[in-house]
Amino acid sequence: MKKKGVSQIDWAISLGVFLIFLTTFFILVHPLFNPEPEQTSSLNNIMKKFTDINEPNTLVWSVNKLPIYFNSSLISINAISLQIPYDWGTQNTSFLDKREFLIDEYRIFFFQNLSKSEAWLVNSNFTYEQISSNAKIDCSSSNANTTNFRVGIENGEMQNISYKGNIRADNMDLIVSGTSSYTNLSFICKYSKGIHDFYIMAYNSIIFNYFDSGSVVLEMDLADDIYDDYYDGSSHNIPYDDDNCTNKTNLKILDFYNSDGIAFISDNFNATFCYQNQSGTLKLNLSLLFINPYIIYLHDGDYIEAVKYKNTKKILGLMQTIEGLSYEKLTQLNQSTSTNYSQLKESWAIPTVNDFDWRISNKTLQ
């Protein structure tokens, strides 16, 4: 006669042995299975290849956007130059509105309609198409000549300035030493001597002067019998009959004028000008000491236009950096004869059973 308790013990032991066997089976057999990566892993791998800047086929592209703000009572198109704190080159930079410009030694030159309050620069490792210059300016080692404006040059220095066919400054002498050179930069003539560079842009009568450090002295004779008055913040008559000299310090503008004028503009400079009446001919000799970049501006009428130009505010805004995928890099990758689809999948470790493609829904020209 069987006992009921014994059969229950047998059943429990059998179940325990079965569970131990089943557990051992899964432990031993599991490493033999190596399933294909999930679809999400492939997608993550593709995105990593696209967006990791250290990957050889990365499609990452970043663009810097820099606003320039203007505040001016002028409403015309004017030549503009200012210094930028970024080591950008002309080829990798563009204005959003695709205008002509030049960057040279952290200095940018362009034309701006001052009725508009802002302009935007973009910079990246992309090579932008440059606007072809139709500017009319002739550069040589002896002169720079554009519409109604000519500057005589000798050894990298200004010798004389003519406006509308008439000499307005002569016997000019820049008290600086060093080697001299000149360069034709598309719509700009650049001249250098020692630490001093000056630039003349097409279609205008402004000379932009820069120097690296220290100070420079510029001397000249202004045109005889031309200028009756000068402006240094207020208007004054030139007392030629006194045969005397006037000293001015901490100037921001000095403009000699009559029916037209010649203005000197800088953040801070000193001037000495001597006037005399020699046998009925009025003479005016000028000596200027500059410690900052300066502008020489030839203009029509009295000092009003020069003051408006001086008061024009040019302000660099905060640079923005935007990142995204490069359409150019994507096109190059897609059209590369050395990279086909199978090779790309293999190099990107995409499982053979998985496929991918890309579609562009929109793009920007920046």
Protein backbone atom coordinates (compact mmCIF):
# COMPACT_ATOMS: atom_id res chain seq x y z
CA MET A 1 0.00 0.00 0.00
CA LYS A 2 1.48 3.34 -1.15
CA LYS A 3 1.79 6.23 1.19
CA LYS A 4 0.49 9.58 -0.09
CA GLY A 5 3.31 11.67 1.47
CA VAL A 6 6.04 9.73 -0.33
CA SER A 7 4.60 10.49 -3.83
CA GLN A 8 4.42 14.23 -3.06
CA ILE A 9 8.09 14.23 -2.06
CA ASP A 10 9.03 12.45 -5.30
CA TRP A 11 7.08 15.04 -7.32
CA ALA A 12 8.83 17.94 -5.59
CA ILE A 13 12.29 16.43 -6.14
CA SER A 14 11.55 15.83 -9.84
CA LEU A 15 10.37 19.41 -10.33
CA GLY A 16 13.47 20.77 -8.62
CA VAL A 17 15.79 18.68 -10.81
CA PHE A 18 13.93 19.89 -13.94
CA LEU A 19 14.23 23.56 -12.99
CA ILE A 20 17.95 23.19 -12.27
CA PHE A 21 18.42 21.55 -15.69
CA LEU A 22 16.45 24.27 -17.45
CA THR A 23 18.42 27.06 -15.77
CA THR A 24 21.72 25.39 -16.65
CA PHE A 25 20.59 24.99 -20.26
CA PHE A 26 19.90 28.72 -20.72
CA ILE A 27 23.12 29.73 -19.01
CA LEU A 28 25.20 27.50 -21.30
CA VAL A 29 23.33 28.08 -24.53
CA HIS A 30 22.76 31.90 -24.32
CA PRO A 31 26.31 32.93 -25.42
CA LEU A 32 25.83 30.98 -28.65
CA PHE A 33 23.13 33.40 -29.78
CA ASN A 34 24.29 36.71 -31.29
CA PRO A 35 21.23 38.55 -32.62
CA GLU A 36 21.58 41.37 -35.15
CA PRO A 37 21.68 44.87 -33.57
CA GLU A 38 18.32 46.47 -33.25
CA GLN A 39 17.15 49.06 -35.76
CA THR A 40 17.51 51.81 -33.19
CA SER A 41 21.20 50.96 -32.70
CA SER A 42 21.80 51.31 -36.44
CA LEU A 43 20.04 54.66 -36.48
CA ASN A 44 22.09 55.89 -33.54
CA ASN A 45 25.27 54.76 -35.28
CA ILE A 46 24.33 56.66 -38.46
CA MET A 47 23.60 59.81 -36.46
CA LYS A 48 26.95 59.48 -34.70
CA LYS A 49 28.75 59.23 -38.03
CA PHE A 50 26.84 62.26 -39.29
CA THR A 51 27.33 64.49 -36.29
CA ASP A 52 30.62 63.49 -34.61
CA ILE A 53 33.19 66.04 -35.73
CA ASN A 54 35.97 63.47 -35.20
CA GLU A 55 34.48 61.08 -37.75
CA PRO A 56 36.14 61.14 -41.21
CA ASN A 57 32.80 61.46 -43.05
CA THR A 58 31.16 63.83 -40.61
CA LEU A 59 28.51 66.11 -42.07
CA VAL A 60 28.65 68.57 -39.19
CA TRP A 61 28.96 72.20 -40.20
CA SER A 62 28.98 75.26 -37.97
CA VAL A 63 28.46 78.84 -39.12
CA ASN A 64 29.23 82.03 -37.22
CA LYS A 65 26.85 84.96 -37.67
CA LEU A 66 28.04 88.45 -36.73
CA PRO A 67 25.71 91.46 -36.87
CA ILE A 68 27.00 94.98 -37.54
CA TYR A 69 24.67 97.76 -36.41
CA PHE A 70 24.64 101.31 -37.79
CA ASN A 71 23.23 104.53 -36.46
CA SER A 72 23.72 107.49 -38.80
CA SER A 73 22.02 110.63 -40.03
CA LEU A 74 23.45 109.83 -43.48
CA ILE A 75 21.10 108.03 -45.84
CA SER A 76 23.47 107.37 -48.73
CA ILE A 77 25.83 104.52 -49.59
CA ASN A 78 29.18 105.10 -47.91
CA ALA A 79 32.56 103.39 -47.67
CA ILE A 80 32.95 101.69 -44.28
CA SER A 81 35.95 100.18 -42.56
CA LEU A 82 36.23 98.77 -39.07
CA GLN A 83 38.32 96.27 -37.16
CA ILE A 84 36.95 92.85 -36.24
CA PRO A 85 38.35 90.67 -33.43
CA TYR A 86 38.20 87.42 -35.41
CA ASP A 87 40.83 85.88 -37.67
CA TRP A 88 38.48 85.52 -40.62
CA GLY A 89 39.46 85.40 -44.26
CA THR A 90 37.54 86.85 -47.18
CA GLN A 91 37.09 83.45 -48.87
CA ASN A 92 35.38 81.90 -45.83
CA THR A 93 33.21 84.91 -45.05
CA SER A 94 30.21 86.52 -46.72
CA PHE A 95 27.51 89.09 -46.15
CA LEU A 96 24.03 87.60 -46.10
CA ASP A 97 23.00 90.02 -48.83
CA LYS A 98 25.95 88.94 -51.04
CA ARG A 99 27.81 92.24 -51.35
CA GLU A 100 31.41 93.00 -52.24
CA PHE A 101 33.82 93.33 -49.32
CA LEU A 102 37.39 92.65 -48.24
CA ILE A 103 39.04 91.48 -45.02
CA ASP A 104 42.70 92.32 -44.51
CA GLU A 105 44.60 91.97 -41.23
CA TYR A 106 41.45 91.96 -39.03
CA ARG A 107 40.12 94.99 -40.97
CA ILE A 108 36.97 94.77 -43.04
CA PHE A 109 36.05 97.13 -45.89
CA PHE A 110 32.65 97.37 -47.59
CA PHE A 111 29.97 99.76 -48.82
CA GLN A 112 26.88 100.31 -46.68
CA ASN A 113 23.59 102.02 -47.31
CA LEU A 114 23.39 103.92 -44.03
CA SER A 115 19.62 104.23 -44.28
CA LYS A 116 19.66 100.56 -43.18
CA SER A 117 20.42 99.86 -39.55
CA GLU A 118 22.21 96.53 -39.78
CA ALA A 119 24.20 94.08 -41.89
CA TRP A 120 25.07 90.43 -41.19
CA LEU A 121 28.36 88.63 -41.74
CA VAL A 122 28.60 84.84 -41.85
CA ASN A 123 31.78 82.79 -41.52
CA SER A 124 32.47 79.07 -41.68
CA ASN A 125 34.94 76.56 -43.17
CA PHE A 126 32.87 76.74 -46.36
CA THR A 127 34.34 78.65 -49.34
CA TYR A 128 31.81 81.28 -50.37
CA GLU A 129 31.42 82.56 -53.89
CA GLN A 130 32.81 86.09 -54.03
CA ILE A 131 31.11 88.92 -55.88
CA SER A 132 33.07 89.94 -58.97
CA SER A 133 34.31 93.48 -58.74
CA ASN A 134 33.32 96.05 -61.34
CA ALA A 135 34.88 98.82 -59.29
CA LYS A 136 36.80 101.48 -61.15
CA ILE A 137 40.03 102.16 -59.32
CA ASP A 138 43.55 102.24 -60.73
CA CYS A 139 46.41 101.26 -58.45
CA SER A 140 50.11 101.69 -59.04
CA SER A 141 53.18 102.42 -56.97
CA SER A 142 52.86 106.12 -57.87
CA ASN A 143 49.12 106.84 -57.57
CA ALA A 144 45.64 105.58 -56.76
CA ASN A 145 42.94 106.99 -59.00
CA THR A 146 39.17 106.62 -58.76
CA THR A 147 36.17 108.80 -59.60
CA ASN A 148 36.92 112.50 -58.75
CA PHE A 149 39.72 111.42 -56.42
CA ARG A 150 43.44 110.86 -56.84
CA VAL A 151 46.25 110.27 -54.37
CA GLY A 152 49.89 110.65 -55.43
CA ILE A 153 52.19 108.06 -53.84
CA GLU A 154 55.93 107.79 -53.29
CA ASN A 155 57.64 105.01 -51.31
CA GLY A 156 54.38 103.92 -49.71
CA GLU A 157 53.52 107.45 -48.51
CA MET A 158 50.89 109.95 -49.61
CA GLN A 159 52.48 112.83 -51.51
CA ASN A 160 49.41 114.81 -52.57
CA ILE A 161 45.62 114.53 -52.70
CA SER A 162 43.44 115.83 -55.53
CA TYR A 163 39.67 116.20 -55.38
CA LYS A 164 37.62 116.86 -58.52
CA GLY A 165 40.77 117.70 -60.45
CA ASN A 166 42.23 120.15 -57.91
CA ILE A 167 45.08 119.54 -55.47
CA ARG A 168 43.85 119.91 -51.92
CA ALA A 169 46.91 118.68 -49.97
CA ASP A 170 50.53 118.72 -51.14
CA ASN A 171 54.10 118.11 -49.92
CA MET A 172 52.80 115.43 -47.61
CA ASP A 173 55.28 113.71 -45.31
CA LEU A 174 54.55 110.72 -43.10
CA ILE A 175 57.12 110.61 -40.28
CA VAL A 176 57.54 106.84 -40.14
CA SER A 177 60.35 104.53 -41.24
CA GLY A 178 60.32 101.07 -42.75
CA THR A 179 59.95 99.25 -46.05
CA SER A 180 57.18 100.22 -48.44
CA SER A 181 54.80 98.24 -50.65
CA TYR A 182 51.50 98.46 -52.46
CA THR A 183 48.81 95.89 -53.30
CA ASN A 184 45.83 95.95 -55.64
CA LEU A 185 43.04 94.30 -53.63
CA SER A 186 40.20 94.15 -56.16
CA PHE A 187 38.23 97.36 -55.44
CA ILE A 188 40.84 98.69 -52.98
CA CYS A 189 44.38 100.05 -53.27
CA LYS A 190 46.54 99.29 -50.22
CA TYR A 191 49.82 101.09 -49.46
CA SER A 192 52.20 100.36 -46.60
CA LYS A 193 55.28 101.83 -45.05
CA GLY A 194 56.64 100.44 -41.79
CA ILE A 195 53.84 100.22 -39.26
CA HIS A 196 51.50 102.38 -41.34
CA ASP A 197 48.92 101.10 -43.88
CA PHE A 198 46.37 103.12 -45.80
CA TYR A 199 43.52 102.00 -48.05
CA ILE A 200 41.64 103.78 -50.83
CA MET A 201 38.33 102.31 -51.96
CA ALA A 202 36.70 102.77 -55.35
CA TYR A 203 33.96 105.37 -55.91
CA ASN A 204 34.69 107.48 -52.85
CA SER A 205 37.09 110.08 -51.49
CA ILE A 206 38.06 108.57 -48.14
CA ILE A 207 41.49 107.31 -47.06
CA PHE A 208 41.46 104.76 -44.23
CA ASN A 209 44.72 104.80 -42.24
CA TYR A 210 45.84 102.10 -39.80
CA PHE A 211 49.02 101.48 -37.85
CA ASP A 212 49.98 98.69 -35.49
CA SER A 213 51.32 100.56 -32.48
CA GLY A 214 52.81 103.81 -31.23
CA SER A 215 51.99 107.04 -33.06
CA VAL A 216 52.52 108.67 -36.44
CA VAL A 217 53.05 112.28 -37.52
CA LEU A 218 51.62 113.49 -40.82
CA GLU A 219 52.64 116.86 -42.25
CA MET A 220 51.34 118.65 -45.36
CA ASP A 221 50.58 121.95 -47.03
CA LEU A 222 46.92 122.59 -47.70
CA ALA A 223 45.84 124.22 -50.96
CA ASP A 224 46.64 127.92 -51.28
CA ASP A 225 43.80 130.42 -51.05
CA ILE A 226 41.15 127.69 -50.74
CA TYR A 227 40.05 127.22 -47.15
CA ASP A 228 38.63 130.13 -45.16
CA ASP A 229 37.33 128.28 -42.09
CA TYR A 230 37.96 125.22 -39.97
CA TYR A 231 35.81 123.10 -37.66
CA ASP A 232 37.04 121.27 -34.55
CA GLY A 233 33.73 120.89 -32.73
CA SER A 234 32.85 124.49 -33.45
CA SER A 235 33.48 126.68 -36.48
CA HIS A 236 36.38 129.19 -36.68
CA ASN A 237 37.71 131.62 -39.22
CA ILE A 238 41.35 131.11 -40.29
CA PRO A 239 43.25 134.35 -39.41
CA TYR A 240 45.85 134.26 -42.17
CA ASP A 241 46.94 137.85 -41.52
CA ASP A 242 48.27 136.93 -38.09
CA ASP A 243 51.12 134.83 -39.54
CA ASN A 244 50.76 132.58 -36.55
CA CYS A 245 50.20 128.96 -35.49
CA THR A 246 47.32 127.29 -33.70
CA ASN A 247 47.70 124.19 -31.52
CA LYS A 248 44.80 121.83 -30.91
CA THR A 249 44.75 118.77 -28.64
CA ASN A 250 42.37 115.86 -28.00
CA LEU A 251 40.59 116.34 -31.29
CA LYS A 252 38.08 113.97 -32.87
CA ILE A 253 37.62 115.97 -36.06
CA LEU A 254 39.43 118.80 -37.82
CA ASP A 255 37.84 119.99 -41.03
CA PHE A 256 39.15 122.79 -43.28
CA TYR A 257 36.47 123.94 -45.69
CA ASN A 258 34.98 126.48 -48.04
CA SER A 259 33.02 125.26 -51.07
CA ASP A 260 34.57 121.85 -50.38
CA GLY A 261 36.66 120.52 -47.53
CA ILE A 262 39.26 118.13 -46.21
CA ALA A 263 38.52 116.50 -42.86
CA PHE A 264 40.71 114.48 -40.50
CA ILE A 265 38.83 112.12 -38.19
CA SER A 266 40.13 109.93 -35.36
CA ASP A 267 39.33 109.01 -31.77
CA ASN A 268 42.01 111.31 -30.38
CA PHE A 269 44.69 113.38 -32.12
CA ASN A 270 46.64 116.62 -31.88
CA ALA A 271 47.17 119.22 -34.60
CA THR A 272 49.32 122.28 -35.23
CA PHE A 273 48.53 124.45 -38.22
CA CYS A 274 50.38 127.57 -39.23
CA TYR A 275 49.01 130.21 -41.59
CA GLN A 276 50.65 133.13 -43.27
CA ASN A 277 50.12 135.69 -46.02
CA GLN A 278 53.04 135.58 -48.44
CA SER A 279 52.74 138.37 -51.01
CA GLY A 280 48.98 137.97 -51.10
CA THR A 281 49.08 134.13 -51.20
CA LEU A 282 47.53 132.41 -48.18
CA LYS A 283 49.59 129.46 -46.86
CA LEU A 284 48.42 126.77 -44.45
CA ASN A 285 50.82 124.15 -43.08
CA LEU A 286 49.43 121.29 -41.02
CA SER A 287 51.09 118.81 -38.64
CA LEU A 288 49.00 115.99 -37.16
CA LEU A 289 49.90 113.54 -34.39
CA PHE A 290 47.78 110.38 -34.40
CA ILE A 291 47.70 107.64 -31.77
CA ASN A 292 44.71 105.78 -33.27
CA PRO A 293 43.60 104.78 -36.77
CA TYR A 294 42.41 107.83 -38.68
CA ILE A 295 40.46 108.90 -41.76
CA ILE A 296 41.10 111.60 -44.34
CA TYR A 297 37.80 112.59 -45.93
CA LEU A 298 37.45 114.92 -48.95
CA HIS A 299 33.93 116.27 -49.34
CA ASP A 300 31.67 118.91 -50.88
CA GLY A 301 30.34 121.91 -48.94
CA ASP A 302 31.06 122.80 -45.34
CA TYR A 303 31.77 120.52 -42.38
CA ILE A 304 28.25 119.08 -42.00
CA GLU A 305 28.79 115.93 -44.10
CA ALA A 306 32.10 115.19 -42.37
CA VAL A 307 30.47 115.54 -38.95
CA LYS A 308 27.66 113.18 -39.99
CA TYR A 309 30.22 110.62 -41.15
CA LYS A 310 32.24 110.98 -37.92
CA ASN A 311 29.09 110.53 -35.84
CA THR A 312 28.05 107.37 -37.67
CA LYS A 313 28.04 104.55 -35.13
CA LYS A 314 29.35 101.18 -36.29
CA ILE A 315 28.81 98.55 -33.61
CA LEU A 316 29.69 94.85 -33.73
CA GLY A 317 27.01 92.71 -32.12
CA LEU A 318 27.43 89.36 -30.37
CA MET A 319 28.56 86.52 -32.59
CA GLN A 320 26.17 83.58 -32.85
CA THR A 321 27.34 80.05 -33.69
CA ILE A 322 24.81 77.77 -35.37
CA GLU A 323 25.47 74.06 -35.99
CA GLY A 324 23.81 71.74 -38.46
CA LEU A 325 24.43 69.33 -41.31
CA SER A 326 26.31 70.59 -44.34
CA TYR A 327 24.46 70.29 -47.64
CA GLU A 328 27.78 70.61 -49.47
CA LYS A 329 29.37 67.77 -47.47
CA LEU A 330 26.28 65.64 -47.93
CA THR A 331 26.39 66.21 -51.69
CA GLN A 332 30.10 65.40 -51.82
CA LEU A 333 29.54 62.22 -49.84
CA ASN A 334 26.65 61.22 -52.08
CA GLN A 335 28.56 61.87 -55.30
CA SER A 336 31.98 60.60 -54.26
CA THR A 337 33.33 58.05 -56.74
CA SER A 338 35.42 56.48 -53.99
CA THR A 339 32.48 55.80 -51.69
CA ASN A 340 29.58 53.59 -52.77
CA TYR A 341 26.63 52.52 -50.69
CA SER A 342 28.04 49.10 -49.68
CA GLN A 343 31.37 50.57 -48.65
CA LEU A 344 29.65 53.29 -46.66
CA LYS A 345 27.52 50.75 -44.79
CA GLU A 346 30.60 48.69 -44.01
CA SER A 347 32.66 51.67 -42.83
CA TRP A 348 29.78 52.86 -40.69
CA ALA A 349 29.17 49.35 -39.25
CA ILE A 350 25.60 49.19 -40.52
CA PRO A 351 24.24 45.60 -40.47
CA THR A 352 23.84 44.11 -43.93
CA VAL A 353 20.15 43.44 -43.32
CA ASN A 354 19.49 47.13 -42.65
CA ASP A 355 19.19 49.91 -45.23
CA PHE A 356 19.09 53.68 -44.91
CA ASP A 357 18.80 56.82 -46.99
CA TRP A 358 18.48 60.57 -46.37
CA ARG A 359 16.08 63.19 -47.61
CA ILE A 360 16.44 66.98 -47.35
CA SER A 361 13.26 68.84 -46.46
CA ASN A 362 14.82 72.35 -46.38
CA LYS A 363 18.19 74.08 -46.36
CA THR A 364 19.74 77.49 -45.68
CA LEU A 365 22.22 79.47 -47.76
CA GLN A 366 24.25 80.49 -44.70
